[in-house]
Structure formats: C-alpha cells, structure tokens
Protein backbone atom coordinates (compact mmCIF):
# COMPACT_ATOMS: atom_id res chain seq x y z
CA UNK A 1 17.65 16.44 -2.31
CA UNK A 2 18.21 12.78 -1.49
CA UNK A 3 16.18 13.15 1.70
CA UNK A 4 13.19 14.47 -0.25
CA UNK A 5 13.43 11.61 -2.74
CA UNK A 6 13.59 8.95 -0.03
CA UNK A 7 10.64 10.53 1.78
CA UNK A 8 8.64 10.41 -1.44
CA UNK A 9 9.60 6.76 -1.95
CA UNK A 10 8.60 5.88 1.62
CA UNK A 11 5.29 7.70 1.24
CA UNK A 12 4.65 5.95 -2.08
CA UNK A 13 5.49 2.59 -0.54
CA UNK A 14 3.16 3.14 2.42
CA UNK A 15 0.33 4.16 0.11
CA UNK A 16 0.95 1.06 -2.00
CA UNK A 17 0.92 -1.16 1.10
CA UNK A 18 -2.39 0.31 2.21
CA UNK A 19 -3.88 -0.26 -1.27
CA UNK A 20 -2.60 -3.84 -1.39
CA UNK A 21 -3.98 -4.41 2.11
CA UNK A 22 -7.44 -3.18 1.09
CA UNK A 23 -7.36 -5.30 -2.07
CA UNK A 24 -6.28 -8.36 -0.08
CA UNK A 25 -9.08 -7.87 2.43
CA UNK A 26 -11.57 -7.41 -0.41
CA UNK A 27 -10.41 -10.61 -2.13
CA UNK A 28 -10.52 -12.61 1.10
CA UNK A 29 -14.06 -11.36 1.67
CA UNK A 30 -14.96 -12.55 -1.82
CA UNK A 31 -13.42 -15.96 -1.18
CA UNK A 32 -14.71 -16.60 2.33
CA UNK A 33 -17.84 -14.44 2.28
C-alpha cells in the first residue's frame, strides 16, 4: 500500500515539475521575447 502511495506522489511531483517547467519557459519567452 505504501509503495503505491509513494509511486502516486512521485508521479504527481514529476507532472507538477513538467507543468512548472512549461510555465517558466512561457514566462521567460514573454519577458525576453
């Protein structure tokens, strides 16, 4: 059970990092573009 929960947390964290990365790239394009 704990393994499943930690896998879900890791997956959620990775998805969040990808989203933040895309948002950061978008903002930097707005600032420097």
